[in-house]
Amino acid sequence: MDAIVKNFPAAGQEQVKDKAQQPVRPSQQEAEEAVRTLLRWAGDDPAREGLLDTPTRVAKAYRELFAGYDQSYEEVLGRTFEEMSGFDDIVLVREIPFFSHCEHHMLPIKGMATVAYLPNGPVLGLSKIARVVEIFGRRLQTQENLTAQIANAIQDTLKPRGVAVLIEAEHMCMEMRGVQKQGSRTLTTTFTGEFKTNPTEQARFFTLARNR
């Protein structure tokens, strides 16, 4: 089975436009100085031995944690498989683990994403679905936006008959601060196409997503 690489001009043009509108990224030195400021604001001394390398470590960690801003889902979804012997049934990848960060408090979100689509010709390599979750997860998020972004990216690029996304996650902004309710989980869903209009397909998705 050969992979077919396709170009999606509309998506690419949008990506260039988005990058042009992005603010100039501060330098590594500026990022490290911002961490020192936060350390002083928290009441500690960034000059003490244990914190001397902390600004560099934090800046490096943030580059990894928010790597999704430098990655393009269009490139990931542009490689598909055409020769599928007429396969047109549901493709579902269950319980993809991910980490993200709440855009309100910049605290971690830890969860699982289940993603399904109904092919309309080409299909994706299974790892590509997980990569899309990773790209959007490694950005500042709300769970609602994350769920919709994953679904819309697949729908707009692959043009399947429908996409379904279910995310279940724990939010440290609810567990470590504020209401402090440890162990609470949030569920969100997004449906497009036949998953949205056909109750049978939606029920089948939930059955496959929940069965062990």
Protein backbone atom coordinates (compact mmCIF):
# COMPACT_ATOMS: atom_id res chain seq x y z
CA MET A 1 0.00 0.00 0.00
CA ASP A 2 1.57 3.28 -1.14
CA ALA A 3 1.09 6.58 0.59
CA ILE A 4 -0.13 9.43 -1.55
CA VAL A 5 1.11 12.90 -0.65
CA LYS A 6 -1.44 15.59 -1.42
CA ASN A 7 -1.22 19.35 -1.24
CA PHE A 8 -4.08 21.37 0.22
CA PRO A 9 -3.62 24.96 -1.07
CA ALA A 10 -6.38 26.50 1.01
CA ALA A 11 -5.01 25.09 4.26
CA GLY A 12 -1.47 26.11 3.34
CA GLN A 13 -2.53 29.64 2.51
CA GLU A 14 -4.33 29.94 5.83
CA GLN A 15 -1.23 28.71 7.61
CA VAL A 16 0.96 31.37 5.96
CA LYS A 17 -1.58 34.03 6.88
CA ASP A 18 -1.67 32.83 10.49
CA LYS A 19 2.11 32.96 10.78
CA ALA A 20 2.19 36.48 9.33
CA GLN A 21 -0.23 37.63 12.00
CA GLN A 22 1.67 36.07 14.89
CA PRO A 23 3.54 38.48 17.20
CA VAL A 24 7.33 38.44 17.23
CA ARG A 25 8.56 35.72 19.57
CA PRO A 26 10.78 36.97 22.43
CA SER A 27 14.37 35.77 22.57
CA GLN A 28 15.63 32.99 24.83
CA GLN A 29 17.26 35.64 27.01
CA GLU A 30 14.00 37.56 27.38
CA ALA A 31 12.13 34.36 28.27
CA GLU A 32 14.68 33.50 30.95
CA GLU A 33 14.50 36.99 32.43
CA ALA A 34 10.70 36.65 32.61
CA VAL A 35 11.15 33.45 34.65
CA ARG A 36 13.51 35.30 37.03
CA THR A 37 10.86 37.97 37.46
CA LEU A 38 8.25 35.35 38.35
CA LEU A 39 10.62 33.73 40.84
CA ARG A 40 11.14 37.07 42.57
CA TRP A 41 7.37 37.75 42.48
CA ALA A 42 6.74 34.34 44.10
CA GLY A 43 9.03 35.35 46.95
CA ASP A 44 12.22 33.46 46.12
CA ASP A 45 15.71 34.52 45.06
CA PRO A 46 16.67 33.52 41.48
CA ALA A 47 20.32 34.09 42.41
CA ARG A 48 20.42 31.28 44.98
CA GLU A 49 22.23 28.09 43.96
CA GLY A 50 19.18 25.88 43.44
CA LEU A 51 17.54 28.37 41.09
CA LEU A 52 20.52 29.55 39.03
CA ASP A 53 19.71 27.26 36.09
CA THR A 54 15.94 27.27 36.55
CA PRO A 55 15.20 30.03 34.00
CA THR A 56 17.11 28.14 31.29
CA ARG A 57 15.39 24.86 32.19
CA VAL A 58 11.94 26.46 32.20
CA ALA A 59 12.46 28.13 28.82
CA LYS A 60 13.67 24.84 27.36
CA ALA A 61 10.73 22.97 28.87
CA TYR A 62 8.24 25.51 27.49
CA ARG A 63 9.71 25.08 24.02
CA GLU A 64 8.89 21.38 24.26
CA LEU A 65 5.54 21.73 26.03
CA PHE A 66 4.27 24.23 23.46
CA ALA A 67 5.90 22.72 20.39
CA GLY A 68 2.49 22.55 18.71
CA TYR A 69 2.77 26.21 17.71
CA ASP A 70 5.66 25.27 15.40
CA GLN A 71 3.91 22.27 13.83
CA SER A 72 1.39 22.11 10.98
CA TYR A 73 -1.52 19.68 11.01
CA GLU A 74 -1.89 20.22 7.24
CA GLU A 75 1.49 18.60 6.67
CA VAL A 76 0.60 15.65 8.90
CA LEU A 77 -2.78 15.07 7.24
CA GLY A 78 -1.42 15.55 3.72
CA ARG A 79 -0.17 11.95 3.52
CA THR A 80 -2.99 9.47 2.88
CA PHE A 81 -3.55 5.96 1.55
CA GLU A 82 -5.72 5.60 -1.54
CA GLU A 83 -5.76 1.85 -2.23
CA MET A 84 -8.07 0.55 0.49
CA SER A 85 -10.05 -2.11 -1.46
CA GLY A 86 -13.28 -0.19 -1.01
CA PHE A 87 -13.04 0.10 2.79
CA ASP A 88 -15.54 2.74 3.93
CA ASP A 89 -16.43 1.81 7.52
CA ILE A 90 -15.52 3.59 10.73
CA VAL A 91 -11.84 4.08 11.61
CA LEU A 92 -11.40 4.69 15.34
CA VAL A 93 -8.30 5.23 17.47
CA ARG A 94 -9.19 4.95 21.15
CA GLU A 95 -7.67 6.55 24.23
CA ILE A 96 -4.80 8.55 22.76
CA PRO A 97 -2.98 10.00 25.80
CA PHE A 98 -2.09 13.68 25.70
CA PHE A 99 -0.89 16.56 27.84
CA SER A 100 -1.90 20.16 27.35
CA HIS A 101 -2.06 23.40 29.33
CA CYS A 102 -5.05 25.49 30.33
CA GLU A 103 -4.95 28.86 28.62
CA HIS A 104 -6.46 30.56 31.67
CA HIS A 105 -3.92 29.52 34.33
CA MET A 106 -1.21 27.74 32.27
CA LEU A 107 -1.62 24.65 34.44
CA PRO A 108 -1.51 21.10 33.03
CA ILE A 109 -4.37 19.17 31.46
CA LYS A 110 -3.97 15.39 31.28
CA GLY A 111 -6.35 13.25 29.30
CA MET A 112 -7.31 10.74 26.64
CA ALA A 113 -8.72 11.44 23.18
CA THR A 114 -10.75 8.99 21.10
CA VAL A 115 -10.97 9.97 17.44
CA ALA A 116 -12.98 8.37 14.65
CA TYR A 117 -13.87 9.17 11.05
CA LEU A 118 -15.88 7.64 8.21
CA PRO A 119 -13.67 7.50 5.08
CA ASN A 120 -14.78 9.05 1.85
CA GLY A 121 -12.01 7.59 -0.29
CA PRO A 122 -8.49 8.09 1.15
CA VAL A 123 -7.61 7.05 4.70
CA LEU A 124 -5.00 8.27 7.16
CA GLY A 125 -2.14 6.35 8.67
CA LEU A 126 -3.19 5.69 12.25
CA SER A 127 -0.21 7.53 13.70
CA LYS A 128 -1.35 10.70 11.92
CA ILE A 129 -4.46 10.86 14.09
CA ALA A 130 -2.33 10.72 17.23
CA ARG A 131 -0.03 13.38 15.80
CA VAL A 132 -2.94 15.76 15.24
CA VAL A 133 -3.96 15.30 18.89
CA GLU A 134 -0.36 16.03 19.89
CA ILE A 135 -0.08 19.17 17.76
CA PHE A 136 -3.19 20.81 19.18
CA GLY A 137 -2.51 19.48 22.69
CA ARG A 138 0.88 21.17 22.84
CA ARG A 139 -0.66 24.62 22.74
CA LEU A 140 -2.50 26.69 25.34
CA GLN A 141 -6.04 25.32 25.26
CA THR A 142 -9.49 24.93 26.64
CA GLN A 143 -10.79 21.39 26.38
CA GLU A 144 -13.75 22.57 24.30
CA ASN A 145 -11.48 24.22 21.72
CA LEU A 146 -9.10 21.26 21.65
CA THR A 147 -11.96 18.86 20.90
CA ALA A 148 -13.32 21.01 18.07
CA GLN A 149 -9.89 21.76 16.58
CA ILE A 150 -9.02 18.08 16.23
CA ALA A 151 -12.36 17.30 14.56
CA ASN A 152 -12.31 20.30 12.24
CA ALA A 153 -8.71 19.70 11.16
CA ILE A 154 -9.53 16.17 10.01
CA GLN A 155 -12.85 17.18 8.47
CA ASP A 156 -11.50 20.17 6.56
CA THR A 157 -8.37 18.43 5.27
CA LEU A 158 -9.39 14.81 4.63
CA LYS A 159 -13.06 15.50 3.71
CA PRO A 160 -14.44 12.28 5.27
CA ARG A 161 -18.15 11.54 5.61
CA GLY A 162 -17.90 12.46 9.29
CA VAL A 163 -15.57 12.88 12.27
CA ALA A 164 -16.16 12.14 15.97
CA VAL A 165 -13.93 13.22 18.85
CA LEU A 166 -14.34 12.37 22.54
CA ILE A 167 -11.96 13.80 25.14
CA GLU A 168 -11.87 12.94 28.83
CA ALA A 169 -9.39 14.94 30.89
CA GLU A 170 -8.29 16.12 34.32
CA HIS A 171 -7.54 19.81 34.81
CA MET A 172 -4.93 20.83 37.35
CA CYS A 173 -6.51 24.29 37.51
CA MET A 174 -9.45 22.57 39.25
CA GLU A 175 -7.32 20.23 41.36
CA MET A 176 -4.38 22.37 42.51
CA ARG A 177 -6.13 25.72 43.00
CA GLY A 178 -9.56 27.30 43.21
CA VAL A 179 -12.24 24.69 43.94
CA GLN A 180 -9.53 21.97 44.46
CA LYS A 181 -11.64 18.96 43.45
CA GLN A 182 -9.13 16.17 42.90
CA GLY A 183 -10.08 13.37 40.53
CA SER A 184 -12.85 15.20 38.70
CA ARG A 185 -12.93 14.58 34.95
CA THR A 186 -14.36 16.62 32.11
CA LEU A 187 -15.85 15.04 28.96
CA THR A 188 -16.32 16.89 25.68
CA THR A 189 -17.42 15.73 22.23
CA THR A 190 -17.51 17.13 18.71
CA PHE A 191 -19.29 15.51 15.76
CA THR A 192 -19.30 16.41 12.07
CA GLY A 193 -21.04 14.95 9.02
CA GLU A 194 -22.80 11.62 9.49
CA PHE A 195 -21.73 11.37 13.12
CA LYS A 196 -23.69 14.56 13.76
CA THR A 197 -26.76 13.84 11.62
CA ASN A 198 -27.09 10.05 12.01
CA PRO A 199 -27.93 8.89 15.56
CA THR A 200 -27.01 5.30 14.66
CA GLU A 201 -23.45 6.25 13.71
CA GLN A 202 -23.15 8.39 16.84
CA ALA A 203 -24.32 5.53 19.04
CA ARG A 204 -21.90 3.17 17.30
CA PHE A 205 -19.07 5.56 18.02
CA PHE A 206 -19.87 5.65 21.74
CA THR A 207 -20.14 1.86 21.83
CA LEU A 208 -16.75 1.38 20.22
CA ALA A 209 -15.19 4.15 22.31
CA ARG A 210 -16.37 2.69 25.63
CA ASN A 211 -16.06 -1.07 25.02
CA ARG A 212 -12.97 -2.69 26.53
